[in-house]
C-alpha atoms as a PDB file:
ATOM      1  CA  UNK A   1     -60.518  19.999 -33.561  1.00  0.00           C
ATOM      2  CA  UNK A   2     -61.377  23.263 -35.402  1.00  0.00           C
ATOM      3  CA  UNK A   3     -64.144  23.578 -38.001  1.00  0.00           C
ATOM      4  CA  UNK A   4     -63.750  26.057 -40.890  1.00  0.00           C
ATOM      5  CA  UNK A   5     -66.497  27.246 -43.142  1.00  0.00           C
ATOM      6  CA  UNK A   6     -64.750  28.404 -46.286  1.00  0.00           C
ATOM      7  CA  UNK A   7     -65.597  30.163 -49.525  1.00  0.00           C
ATOM      8  CA  UNK A   8     -67.720  32.840 -47.933  1.00  0.00           C
ATOM      9  CA  UNK A   9     -68.856  35.714 -50.143  1.00  0.00           C
ATOM     10  CA  UNK A  10     -71.831  37.193 -48.189  1.00  0.00           C
ATOM     11  CA  UNK A  11     -71.900  38.720 -44.730  1.00  0.00           C
ATOM     12  CA  UNK A  12     -75.205  37.027 -43.921  1.00  0.00           C
ATOM     13  CA  UNK A  13     -73.514  33.681 -44.427  1.00  0.00           C
ATOM     14  CA  UNK A  14     -70.545  34.754 -42.350  1.00  0.00           C
ATOM     15  CA  UNK A  15     -72.826  35.670 -39.530  1.00  0.00           C
ATOM     16  CA  UNK A  16     -74.640  32.356 -39.792  1.00  0.00           C
ATOM     17  CA  UNK A  17     -71.390  30.468 -39.730  1.00  0.00           C
ATOM     18  CA  UNK A  18     -70.355  32.232 -36.528  1.00  0.00           C
ATOM     19  CA  UNK A  19     -73.690  31.707 -34.913  1.00  0.00           C
ATOM     20  CA  UNK A  20     -73.577  27.986 -35.744  1.00  0.00           C
ATOM     21  CA  UNK A  21     -70.289  27.644 -33.887  1.00  0.00           C
ATOM     22  CA  UNK A  22     -67.634  27.593 -36.616  1.00  0.00           C
ATOM     23  CA  UNK A  23     -64.116  28.110 -35.248  1.00  0.00           C
ATOM     24  CA  UNK A  24     -62.783  29.789 -38.464  1.00  0.00           C
ATOM     25  CA  UNK A  25     -64.200  31.320 -41.626  1.00  0.00           C
ATOM     26  CA  UNK A  26     -62.472  31.483 -44.995  1.00  0.00           C
ATOM     27  CA  UNK A  27     -62.345  34.029 -47.744  1.00  0.00           C
ATOM     28  CA  UNK A  28     -60.777  33.233 -51.126  1.00  0.00           C
ATOM     29  CA  UNK A  29     -58.545  35.688 -53.035  1.00  0.00           C
ATOM     30  CA  UNK A  30     -57.843  33.289 -55.910  1.00  0.00           C
ATOM     31  CA  UNK A  31     -59.200  34.948 -59.052  1.00  0.00           C
ATOM     32  CA  UNK A  32     -60.074  31.673 -60.837  1.00  0.00           C
ATOM     33  CA  UNK A  33     -62.360  30.702 -58.020  1.00  0.00           C
ATOM     34  CA  UNK A  34     -66.106  31.371 -58.396  1.00  0.00           C
ATOM     35  CA  UNK A  35     -65.998  32.294 -54.667  1.00  0.00           C
ATOM     36  CA  UNK A  36     -63.289  34.953 -55.110  1.00  0.00           C
ATOM     37  CA  UNK A  37     -63.703  38.147 -53.114  1.00  0.00           C
ATOM     38  CA  UNK A  38     -61.526  41.259 -52.674  1.00  0.00           C
ATOM     39  CA  UNK A  39     -59.618  42.095 -49.547  1.00  0.00           C
ATOM     40  CA  UNK A  40     -62.110  44.722 -48.312  1.00  0.00           C
ATOM     41  CA  UNK A  41     -64.829  41.991 -48.525  1.00  0.00           C
ATOM     42  CA  UNK A  42     -62.690  39.492 -46.823  1.00  0.00           C
ATOM     43  CA  UNK A  43     -62.285  41.935 -43.899  1.00  0.00           C
ATOM     44  CA  UNK A  44     -66.043  42.519 -43.690  1.00  0.00           C
ATOM     45  CA  UNK A  45     -66.694  38.701 -43.698  1.00  0.00           C
ATOM     46  CA  UNK A  46     -64.337  37.963 -40.837  1.00  0.00           C
ATOM     47  CA  UNK A  47     -65.808  40.831 -38.790  1.00  0.00           C
ATOM     48  CA  UNK A  48     -69.340  39.718 -39.587  1.00  0.00           C
ATOM     49  CA  UNK A  49     -68.619  36.131 -38.413  1.00  0.00           C
ATOM     50  CA  UNK A  50     -66.804  37.252 -35.275  1.00  0.00           C
ATOM     51  CA  UNK A  51     -64.376  34.424 -35.921  1.00  0.00           C
ATOM     52  CA  UNK A  52     -60.755  34.236 -37.039  1.00  0.00           C
ATOM     53  CA  UNK A  53     -60.381  34.729 -40.805  1.00  0.00           C
ATOM     54  CA  UNK A  54     -58.494  32.381 -42.995  1.00  0.00           C
ATOM     55  CA  UNK A  55     -57.322  34.062 -46.191  1.00  0.00           C
ATOM     56  CA  UNK A  56     -57.009  31.558 -49.055  1.00  0.00           C
ATOM     57  CA  UNK A  57     -54.451  32.550 -51.642  1.00  0.00           C
ATOM     58  CA  UNK A  58     -52.363  30.903 -54.431  1.00  0.00           C
ATOM     59  CA  UNK A  59     -48.994  31.975 -55.660  1.00  0.00           C
ATOM     60  CA  UNK A  60     -49.161  35.611 -54.704  1.00  0.00           C
ATOM     61  CA  UNK A  61     -45.944  37.614 -54.490  1.00  0.00           C
ATOM     62  CA  UNK A  62     -44.826  37.967 -50.863  1.00  0.00           C
ATOM     63  CA  UNK A  63     -45.438  41.688 -50.607  1.00  0.00           C
ATOM     64  CA  UNK A  64     -49.001  41.478 -51.992  1.00  0.00           C
ATOM     65  CA  UNK A  65     -49.730  38.516 -49.797  1.00  0.00           C
ATOM     66  CA  UNK A  66     -48.532  40.110 -46.572  1.00  0.00           C
ATOM     67  CA  UNK A  67     -50.298  43.402 -47.394  1.00  0.00           C
ATOM     68  CA  UNK A  68     -53.547  41.588 -48.160  1.00  0.00           C
ATOM     69  CA  UNK A  69     -53.326  39.597 -44.943  1.00  0.00           C
ATOM     70  CA  UNK A  70     -52.735  42.614 -42.849  1.00  0.00           C
ATOM     71  CA  UNK A  71     -55.569  44.584 -44.547  1.00  0.00           C
ATOM     72  CA  UNK A  72     -57.992  41.739 -44.128  1.00  0.00           C
ATOM     73  CA  UNK A  73     -56.980  41.160 -40.430  1.00  0.00           C
ATOM     74  CA  UNK A  74     -56.326  37.525 -41.347  1.00  0.00           C
ATOM     75  CA  UNK A  75     -55.230  35.230 -38.599  1.00  0.00           C
ATOM     76  CA  UNK A  76     -54.443  32.350 -40.933  1.00  0.00           C
ATOM     77  CA  UNK A  77     -52.943  32.381 -44.418  1.00  0.00           C
ATOM     78  CA  UNK A  78     -53.828  29.345 -46.462  1.00  0.00           C
ATOM     79  CA  UNK A  79     -51.476  28.752 -49.407  1.00  0.00           C
ATOM     80  CA  UNK A  80     -53.036  26.768 -52.190  1.00  0.00           C
ATOM     81  CA  UNK A  81     -50.479  27.136 -54.986  1.00  0.00           C
ATOM     82  CA  UNK A  82     -46.923  25.896 -55.506  1.00  0.00           C
ATOM     83  CA  UNK A  83     -45.427  28.190 -52.883  1.00  0.00           C
ATOM     84  CA  UNK A  84     -41.840  27.185 -51.802  1.00  0.00           C
ATOM     85  CA  UNK A  85     -40.882  26.595 -48.206  1.00  0.00           C
ATOM     86  CA  UNK A  86     -38.839  29.834 -48.314  1.00  0.00           C
ATOM     87  CA  UNK A  87     -42.076  31.856 -48.724  1.00  0.00           C
ATOM     88  CA  UNK A  88     -43.425  30.389 -45.513  1.00  0.00           C
ATOM     89  CA  UNK A  89     -40.192  31.156 -43.746  1.00  0.00           C
ATOM     90  CA  UNK A  90     -40.480  34.808 -44.940  1.00  0.00           C
ATOM     91  CA  UNK A  91     -44.198  35.017 -43.919  1.00  0.00           C
ATOM     92  CA  UNK A  92     -43.374  33.758 -40.519  1.00  0.00           C
ATOM     93  CA  UNK A  93     -41.261  36.883 -39.958  1.00  0.00           C
ATOM     94  CA  UNK A  94     -43.893  39.224 -41.182  1.00  0.00           C
ATOM     95  CA  UNK A  95     -46.847  38.553 -38.833  1.00  0.00           C
ATOM     96  CA  UNK A  96     -48.327  36.453 -36.053  1.00  0.00           C
ATOM     97  CA  UNK A  97     -50.635  34.495 -38.387  1.00  0.00           C
ATOM     98  CA  UNK A  98     -50.827  30.791 -38.787  1.00  0.00           C
ATOM     99  CA  UNK A  99     -49.583  29.276 -42.031  1.00  0.00           C
ATOM    100  CA  UNK A 100     -51.450  26.444 -43.729  1.00  0.00           C
ATOM    101  CA  UNK A 101     -50.229  24.682 -46.831  1.00  0.00           C
ATOM    102  CA  UNK A 102     -52.827  22.956 -48.995  1.00  0.00           C
ATOM    103  CA  UNK A 103     -51.873  19.666 -50.537  1.00  0.00           C
ATOM    104  CA  UNK A 104     -53.804  17.864 -53.249  1.00  0.00           C
ATOM    105  CA  UNK A 105     -53.648  14.233 -52.391  1.00  0.00           C
ATOM    106  CA  UNK A 106     -53.580  11.161 -54.599  1.00  0.00           C
ATOM    107  CA  UNK A 107     -51.415   8.864 -52.492  1.00  0.00           C
ATOM    108  CA  UNK A 108     -49.563   8.644 -49.159  1.00  0.00           C
ATOM    109  CA  UNK A 109     -46.408   9.995 -50.935  1.00  0.00           C
ATOM    110  CA  UNK A 110     -48.080  13.263 -51.703  1.00  0.00           C
ATOM    111  CA  UNK A 111     -48.704  13.753 -47.943  1.00  0.00           C
ATOM    112  CA  UNK A 112     -45.215  12.625 -46.872  1.00  0.00           C
ATOM    113  CA  UNK A 113     -43.442  14.764 -49.470  1.00  0.00           C
ATOM    114  CA  UNK A 114     -45.400  17.846 -48.297  1.00  0.00           C
ATOM    115  CA  UNK A 115     -44.707  17.022 -44.648  1.00  0.00           C
ATOM    116  CA  UNK A 116     -41.025  16.832 -45.432  1.00  0.00           C
ATOM    117  CA  UNK A 117     -40.965  20.072 -47.367  1.00  0.00           C
ATOM    118  CA  UNK A 118     -43.214  22.183 -45.032  1.00  0.00           C
ATOM    119  CA  UNK A 119     -42.677  20.599 -41.661  1.00  0.00           C
ATOM    120  CA  UNK A 120     -41.246  23.204 -39.274  1.00  0.00           C
ATOM    121  CA  UNK A 121     -42.484  25.918 -41.636  1.00  0.00           C
ATOM    122  CA  UNK A 122     -46.256  25.398 -41.933  1.00  0.00           C
ATOM    123  CA  UNK A 123     -48.504  25.033 -38.882  1.00  0.00           C
ATOM    124  CA  UNK A 124     -50.811  22.776 -40.747  1.00  0.00           C
ATOM    125  CA  UNK A 125     -51.151  20.741 -43.952  1.00  0.00           C
ATOM    126  CA  UNK A 126     -54.646  21.028 -45.432  1.00  0.00           C
ATOM    127  CA  UNK A 127     -55.364  17.768 -47.399  1.00  0.00           C
ATOM    128  CA  UNK A 128     -57.665  18.343 -50.361  1.00  0.00           C
ATOM    129  CA  UNK A 129     -58.993  16.445 -53.305  1.00  0.00           C
ATOM    130  CA  UNK A 130     -56.835  16.293 -56.455  1.00  0.00           C
ATOM    131  CA  UNK A 131     -57.918  17.864 -59.691  1.00  0.00           C
ATOM    132  CA  UNK A 132     -55.733  18.312 -62.806  1.00  0.00           C
ATOM    133  CA  UNK A 133     -56.844  21.926 -63.431  1.00  0.00           C
ATOM    134  CA  UNK A 134     -58.300  23.250 -60.143  1.00  0.00           C
ATOM    135  CA  UNK A 135     -56.568  24.208 -56.946  1.00  0.00           C
ATOM    136  CA  UNK A 136     -59.528  23.428 -54.716  1.00  0.00           C
ATOM    137  CA  UNK A 137     -63.196  23.804 -54.197  1.00  0.00           C
ATOM    138  CA  UNK A 138     -63.979  20.825 -56.447  1.00  0.00           C
ATOM    139  CA  UNK A 139     -66.149  18.917 -54.056  1.00  0.00           C
ATOM    140  CA  UNK A 140     -63.971  15.913 -54.446  1.00  0.00           C
ATOM    141  CA  UNK A 141     -62.666  13.905 -51.511  1.00  0.00           C
ATOM    142  CA  UNK A 142     -59.060  12.689 -51.405  1.00  0.00           C
ATOM    143  CA  UNK A 143     -58.339   9.009 -50.716  1.00  0.00           C
ATOM    144  CA  UNK A 144     -58.647   8.934 -46.967  1.00  0.00           C
ATOM    145  CA  UNK A 145     -56.642   5.711 -46.797  1.00  0.00           C
ATOM    146  CA  UNK A 146     -53.624   7.774 -47.924  1.00  0.00           C
ATOM    147  CA  UNK A 147     -53.680   9.758 -44.661  1.00  0.00           C
ATOM    148  CA  UNK A 148     -54.279   6.584 -42.647  1.00  0.00           C
ATOM    149  CA  UNK A 149     -51.173   5.030 -44.239  1.00  0.00           C
ATOM    150  CA  UNK A 150     -48.942   8.090 -43.903  1.00  0.00           C
ATOM    151  CA  UNK A 151     -49.943   9.429 -40.507  1.00  0.00           C
ATOM    152  CA  UNK A 152     -47.339   7.524 -38.398  1.00  0.00           C
ATOM    153  CA  UNK A 153     -44.599   9.250 -40.333  1.00  0.00           C
ATOM    154  CA  UNK A 154     -45.940  12.804 -40.081  1.00  0.00           C
ATOM    155  CA  UNK A 155     -44.278  15.001 -37.408  1.00  0.00           C
ATOM    156  CA  UNK A 156     -46.594  15.257 -34.389  1.00  0.00           C
ATOM    157  CA  UNK A 157     -46.396  19.055 -34.236  1.00  0.00           C
ATOM    158  CA  UNK A 158     -47.735  19.465 -37.804  1.00  0.00           C
ATOM    159  CA  UNK A 159     -51.517  19.859 -37.710  1.00  0.00           C
ATOM    160  CA  UNK A 160     -53.552  17.993 -40.265  1.00  0.00           C
ATOM    161  CA  UNK A 161     -56.674  19.401 -41.956  1.00  0.00           C
ATOM    162  CA  UNK A 162     -59.193  17.462 -43.991  1.00  0.00           C
ATOM    163  CA  UNK A 163     -60.963  19.199 -46.920  1.00  0.00           C
ATOM    164  CA  UNK A 164     -62.508  18.271 -50.194  1.00  0.00           C
ATOM    165  CA  UNK A 165     -65.923  16.676 -50.693  1.00  0.00           C
ATOM    166  CA  UNK A 166     -67.036  17.030 -47.062  1.00  0.00           C
ATOM    167  CA  UNK A 167     -70.643  17.713 -46.105  1.00  0.00           C
ATOM    168  CA  UNK A 168     -73.081  16.967 -43.261  1.00  0.00           C
ATOM    169  CA  UNK A 169     -73.434  13.352 -44.507  1.00  0.00           C
ATOM    170  CA  UNK A 170     -69.804  12.322 -44.315  1.00  0.00           C
ATOM    171  CA  UNK A 171     -67.920  14.699 -42.006  1.00  0.00           C
ATOM    172  CA  UNK A 172     -68.709  12.467 -39.023  1.00  0.00           C
ATOM    173  CA  UNK A 173     -67.053   9.492 -40.770  1.00  0.00           C
ATOM    174  CA  UNK A 174     -64.040  11.661 -41.642  1.00  0.00           C
ATOM    175  CA  UNK A 175     -63.696  12.809 -38.106  1.00  0.00           C
ATOM    176  CA  UNK A 176     -64.075   9.275 -36.685  1.00  0.00           C
ATOM    177  CA  UNK A 177     -61.602   7.726 -39.110  1.00  0.00           C
ATOM    178  CA  UNK A 178     -59.000  10.385 -39.574  1.00  0.00           C
ATOM    179  CA  UNK A 179     -59.032  12.341 -36.319  1.00  0.00           C
ATOM    180  CA  UNK A 180     -58.048  15.555 -38.031  1.00  0.00           C
ATOM    181  CA  UNK A 181     -57.003  18.851 -36.242  1.00  0.00           C
ATOM    182  CA  UNK A 182     -59.146  20.806 -38.769  1.00  0.00           C
ATOM    183  CA  UNK A 183     -62.108  20.025 -40.978  1.00  0.00           C
ATOM    184  CA  UNK A 184     -62.936  22.419 -43.870  1.00  0.00           C
ATOM    185  CA  UNK A 185     -66.114  22.744 -45.896  1.00  0.00           C
ATOM    186  CA  UNK A 186     -67.224  24.953 -48.739  1.00  0.00           C
ATOM    187  CA  UNK A 187     -69.265  23.452 -51.534  1.00  0.00           C
ATOM    188  CA  UNK A 188     -70.776  20.809 -49.220  1.00  0.00           C
ATOM    189  CA  UNK A 189     -72.837  23.458 -47.404  1.00  0.00           C
ATOM    190  CA  UNK A 190     -73.878  25.482 -50.447  1.00  0.00           C
ATOM    191  CA  UNK A 191     -76.867  25.970 -52.632  1.00  0.00           C
ATOM    192  CA  UNK A 192     -74.646  27.468 -55.299  1.00  0.00           C
ATOM    193  CA  UNK A 193     -71.003  28.589 -55.371  1.00  0.00           C
ATOM    194  CA  UNK A 194     -70.470  31.217 -52.630  1.00  0.00           C
ATOM    195  CA  UNK A 195     -74.040  30.991 -51.291  1.00  0.00           C
ATOM    196  CA  UNK A 196     -74.206  29.004 -48.041  1.00  0.00           C
ATOM    197  CA  UNK A 197     -77.293  27.193 -46.708  1.00  0.00           C
ATOM    198  CA  UNK A 198     -77.518  27.935 -42.928  1.00  0.00           C
ATOM    199  CA  UNK A 199     -79.259  24.637 -42.311  1.00  0.00           C
ATOM    200  CA  UNK A 200     -76.398  22.737 -43.946  1.00  0.00           C
ATOM    201  CA  UNK A 201     -73.838  24.728 -42.075  1.00  0.00           C
ATOM    202  CA  UNK A 202     -75.556  23.937 -38.809  1.00  0.00           C
ATOM    203  CA  UNK A 203     -75.881  20.189 -39.683  1.00  0.00           C
ATOM    204  CA  UNK A 204     -72.166  20.116 -40.641  1.00  0.00           C
ATOM    205  CA  UNK A 205     -71.186  21.582 -37.256  1.00  0.00           C
ATOM    206  CA  UNK A 206     -73.437  19.238 -35.372  1.00  0.00           C
ATOM    207  CA  UNK A 207     -72.162  16.121 -37.178  1.00  0.00           C
ATOM    208  CA  UNK A 208     -68.506  17.125 -36.828  1.00  0.00           C
ATOM    209  CA  UNK A 209     -68.789  17.827 -33.036  1.00  0.00           C
ATOM    210  CA  UNK A 210     -70.784  14.675 -32.417  1.00  0.00           C
ATOM    211  CA  UNK A 211     -68.115  12.525 -33.996  1.00  0.00           C
ATOM    212  CA  UNK A 212     -65.399  14.393 -32.134  1.00  0.00           C
ATOM    213  CA  UNK A 213     -67.181  13.884 -28.851  1.00  0.00           C
ATOM    214  CA  UNK A 214     -67.726  10.133 -29.469  1.00  0.00           C
ATOM    215  CA  UNK A 215     -64.117   9.573 -30.072  1.00  0.00           C
END
């Protein structure tokens, strides 16, 4: 299981995430997000962490997306909009990065439809809380029972990530119950949007690893 600390905006927080043992760090290019950074900052954040960078985007044109990912030295592109499967197929030809497709989940059908659309194209589905107006970063959990109900029908080679509303107090339960390939946190380890608390980051990592080890 990999642990991602997302929504970084400050190099000091990126260094803390790397020192705490995060496997991945995330920088957001979505302009509507209070954690939005530019490509140059994303590059600095990944280098400061010393960890693979996940570049979080939404509905960018293919050319802008690939150029941004190259400039940021991203190792993962996380697609949070309404990107079609054809875009993932095109991105696969453009670089060695992993491709994650975020899914806002209300029911098992949301997961199964996404698995059908993006299976064989995405490396992972990142399951997030649903919000009518926001693409992510809401601090809301999705109904975990939806994944438990759908999991048997999801292709085994499609990784599953759990995001939305996670923090040190519930990530252990999420890992124990859902056995995800990835856990992703942003607001759950913050003092304000884009400002991470190193103690919460450390506690999140400890809780996630302990639950993984106990399974």
